[in-house]
């Protein structure tokens, strides 16, 4: 029997765990994208803003943890092939969007972690544990890192919007089963 790490079998459908992680990350990204400008621009300095930053950092750290698990799971067990009814250009676009989101979710969360550390703060996961410190305090470096964190967040928002639009197009216009493959209970 070949080790699971070398598995090249393509599952017929997404597992319940794959769907759960997908929808958790999707919901978390929506919250994180909305929270970023709110805490930065709309909430005055003080306890509420500090709490929003702490929540943003903890949720981002949780996204990183889940993405590591998702990647390991994906490498070990594979994912279903793109829906055969989709034209090749849609299949490739779907795969590239997935790859881009995986890369950006890793890069963005690590940048947030590094930027927070360079600011001089730890990244606490809801008070349960702290991520290791990867950079010492360096405010100018923190400012530069956070700009890249913001740029990557914007890219995630744009690609996620295309991903959502594609899923809705398949559901509402093409009326095929592409979206159902990732819905719970299917």
Protein backbone atom coordinates (compact mmCIF):
# COMPACT_ATOMS: atom_id res chain seq x y z
CA UNK A 1 0.00 0.00 0.00
CA UNK A 2 1.43 3.38 -1.03
CA UNK A 3 1.85 5.96 1.75
CA UNK A 4 -0.91 8.55 1.88
CA UNK A 5 1.63 11.33 1.21
CA UNK A 6 2.24 9.87 -2.25
CA UNK A 7 -1.43 9.41 -3.01
CA UNK A 8 -2.39 10.57 -6.47
CA UNK A 9 -5.93 9.25 -6.34
CA UNK A 10 -8.53 11.84 -7.21
CA UNK A 11 -11.52 11.77 -4.85
CA UNK A 12 -14.96 11.82 -6.43
CA UNK A 13 -16.22 14.65 -4.21
CA UNK A 14 -15.10 17.07 -1.53
CA UNK A 15 -15.10 15.58 1.96
CA UNK A 16 -17.03 17.08 4.84
CA UNK A 17 -13.74 18.25 6.41
CA UNK A 18 -12.66 19.96 3.16
CA UNK A 19 -16.03 21.73 2.93
CA UNK A 20 -15.91 22.78 6.58
CA UNK A 21 -12.43 24.27 6.21
CA UNK A 22 -13.41 25.99 2.93
CA UNK A 23 -16.46 27.67 4.47
CA UNK A 24 -14.63 28.59 7.68
CA UNK A 25 -11.88 30.32 5.71
CA UNK A 26 -14.44 31.98 3.42
CA UNK A 27 -16.39 33.40 6.37
CA UNK A 28 -13.20 34.42 8.18
CA UNK A 29 -11.85 36.21 5.09
CA UNK A 30 -15.09 38.17 4.73
CA UNK A 31 -14.87 39.24 8.38
CA UNK A 32 -11.16 40.08 8.10
CA UNK A 33 -11.61 42.11 4.92
CA UNK A 34 -14.49 44.08 6.44
CA UNK A 35 -12.76 44.54 9.78
CA UNK A 36 -9.48 45.89 8.35
CA UNK A 37 -10.75 49.27 7.17
CA UNK A 38 -13.28 49.55 10.00
CA UNK A 39 -10.66 49.24 12.73
CA UNK A 40 -8.12 51.34 10.86
CA UNK A 41 -10.32 54.21 9.65
CA UNK A 42 -13.65 54.27 11.48
CA UNK A 43 -12.92 53.35 15.09
CA UNK A 44 -11.08 55.92 17.20
CA UNK A 45 -8.02 54.89 19.18
CA UNK A 46 -8.88 53.21 22.44
CA UNK A 47 -9.99 49.92 23.93
CA UNK A 48 -12.49 49.07 21.18
CA UNK A 49 -9.89 49.56 18.46
CA UNK A 50 -7.34 47.52 20.42
CA UNK A 51 -9.87 44.71 20.83
CA UNK A 52 -10.69 44.79 17.10
CA UNK A 53 -6.98 44.56 16.25
CA UNK A 54 -6.57 41.64 18.66
CA UNK A 55 -9.58 39.87 17.14
CA UNK A 56 -8.30 40.54 13.59
CA UNK A 57 -4.87 39.15 14.49
CA UNK A 58 -6.31 36.07 16.24
CA UNK A 59 -8.73 35.28 13.42
CA UNK A 60 -5.95 35.76 10.85
CA UNK A 61 -3.73 33.39 12.85
CA UNK A 62 -6.55 30.85 12.92
CA UNK A 63 -6.89 31.18 9.14
CA UNK A 64 -3.17 30.43 8.80
CA UNK A 65 -3.51 27.32 10.96
CA UNK A 66 -6.53 26.09 8.99
CA UNK A 67 -4.76 26.80 5.69
CA UNK A 68 -1.79 24.69 6.78
CA UNK A 69 -4.18 21.84 7.62
CA UNK A 70 -6.01 22.35 4.30
CA UNK A 71 -2.78 22.21 2.33
CA UNK A 72 -1.60 19.07 4.12
CA UNK A 73 -5.02 17.48 3.58
CA UNK A 74 -5.03 18.48 -0.08
CA UNK A 75 -1.55 17.05 -0.63
CA UNK A 76 -2.38 13.83 1.21
CA UNK A 77 -5.82 13.08 -0.19
CA UNK A 78 -6.14 15.20 -3.33
CA UNK A 79 -9.19 17.09 -4.50
CA UNK A 80 -11.84 16.29 -7.06
CA UNK A 81 -10.99 17.14 -10.65
CA UNK A 82 -12.72 20.22 -12.04
CA UNK A 83 -16.26 19.52 -13.20
CA UNK A 84 -15.99 17.87 -16.62
CA UNK A 85 -18.92 19.90 -17.94
CA UNK A 86 -16.91 23.11 -17.62
CA UNK A 87 -15.03 24.37 -20.68
CA UNK A 88 -11.25 24.07 -20.38
CA UNK A 89 -10.80 27.83 -19.89
CA UNK A 90 -13.21 27.76 -16.93
CA UNK A 91 -11.43 24.74 -15.45
CA UNK A 92 -8.08 26.48 -15.69
CA UNK A 93 -9.46 29.74 -14.36
CA UNK A 94 -10.97 27.91 -11.40
CA UNK A 95 -7.70 26.15 -10.61
CA UNK A 96 -5.64 29.33 -10.93
CA UNK A 97 -8.05 31.16 -8.63
CA UNK A 98 -7.69 28.35 -6.07
CA UNK A 99 -3.89 28.41 -6.33
CA UNK A 100 -3.77 32.20 -6.09
CA UNK A 101 -6.04 32.19 -3.03
CA UNK A 102 -3.93 29.54 -1.31
CA UNK A 103 -0.71 31.48 -1.94
CA UNK A 104 -2.21 34.83 -0.97
CA UNK A 105 -3.83 33.46 2.18
CA UNK A 106 -0.47 32.12 3.33
CA UNK A 107 1.47 35.24 2.35
CA UNK A 108 -1.07 37.67 3.80
CA UNK A 109 -1.37 35.92 7.15
CA UNK A 110 2.40 35.58 7.52
CA UNK A 111 2.80 39.27 6.63
CA UNK A 112 0.21 40.16 9.28
CA UNK A 113 2.09 38.05 11.83
CA UNK A 114 5.43 39.63 10.90
CA UNK A 115 4.00 43.15 10.82
CA UNK A 116 2.41 42.69 14.25
CA UNK A 117 5.68 41.38 15.70
CA UNK A 118 7.66 44.24 14.12
CA UNK A 119 5.15 46.65 15.65
CA UNK A 120 6.16 45.18 19.00
CA UNK A 121 3.14 43.00 19.74
CA UNK A 122 2.69 39.25 19.95
CA UNK A 123 0.04 37.43 17.92
CA UNK A 124 -2.28 35.76 20.40
CA UNK A 125 -4.84 33.20 19.24
CA UNK A 126 -7.80 34.29 21.37
CA UNK A 127 -5.65 34.12 24.51
CA UNK A 128 -5.14 30.37 24.12
CA UNK A 129 -1.54 30.59 22.91
CA UNK A 130 0.82 33.04 21.22
CA UNK A 131 2.49 32.52 17.88
CA UNK A 132 6.28 32.60 18.15
CA UNK A 133 7.87 36.00 17.61
CA UNK A 134 9.46 36.06 14.16
CA UNK A 135 10.64 39.69 14.10
CA UNK A 136 11.88 42.11 16.69
CA UNK A 137 10.34 45.53 17.21
CA UNK A 138 11.01 47.80 14.24
CA UNK A 139 8.21 50.32 13.59
CA UNK A 140 9.37 51.44 10.12
CA UNK A 141 9.64 47.78 9.03
CA UNK A 142 6.20 47.09 10.50
CA UNK A 143 4.72 49.95 8.49
CA UNK A 144 6.20 48.58 5.24
CA UNK A 145 5.06 45.03 5.97
CA UNK A 146 1.53 46.15 6.77
CA UNK A 147 1.32 47.95 3.41
CA UNK A 148 2.07 44.63 1.70
CA UNK A 149 -0.41 42.90 4.02
CA UNK A 150 -3.04 45.39 2.85
CA UNK A 151 -2.17 44.93 -0.85
CA UNK A 152 -2.42 41.15 -0.51
CA UNK A 153 -5.73 41.52 1.34
CA UNK A 154 -7.11 43.59 -1.52
CA UNK A 155 -5.95 40.93 -4.01
CA UNK A 156 -7.66 38.23 -1.92
CA UNK A 157 -10.87 40.29 -1.99
CA UNK A 158 -10.71 40.68 -5.76
CA UNK A 159 -9.97 37.02 -6.48
CA UNK A 160 -12.57 35.87 -3.94
CA UNK A 161 -15.14 38.12 -5.62
CA UNK A 162 -14.35 36.47 -8.97
CA UNK A 163 -14.55 33.05 -7.32
CA UNK A 164 -17.98 33.88 -5.85
CA UNK A 165 -19.17 35.35 -9.16
CA UNK A 166 -18.08 32.17 -10.95
CA UNK A 167 -19.90 29.97 -8.44
CA UNK A 168 -23.07 32.05 -8.74
CA UNK A 169 -22.80 32.02 -12.54
CA UNK A 170 -22.75 28.24 -12.47
CA UNK A 171 -25.66 28.10 -10.04
CA UNK A 172 -27.94 30.79 -11.49
CA UNK A 173 -27.06 30.95 -15.20
CA UNK A 174 -25.65 27.59 -16.21
CA UNK A 175 -27.70 25.73 -13.61
CA UNK A 176 -25.08 23.01 -13.30
CA UNK A 177 -23.74 21.27 -10.19
CA UNK A 178 -20.41 23.09 -9.88
CA UNK A 179 -21.39 25.04 -6.73
CA UNK A 180 -23.15 22.05 -5.15
CA UNK A 181 -19.83 20.19 -5.03
CA UNK A 182 -18.74 22.46 -2.16
CA UNK A 183 -22.07 22.85 -0.37
CA UNK A 184 -22.64 20.97 2.90
CA UNK A 185 -24.79 17.88 2.57
CA UNK A 186 -23.86 17.24 -1.08
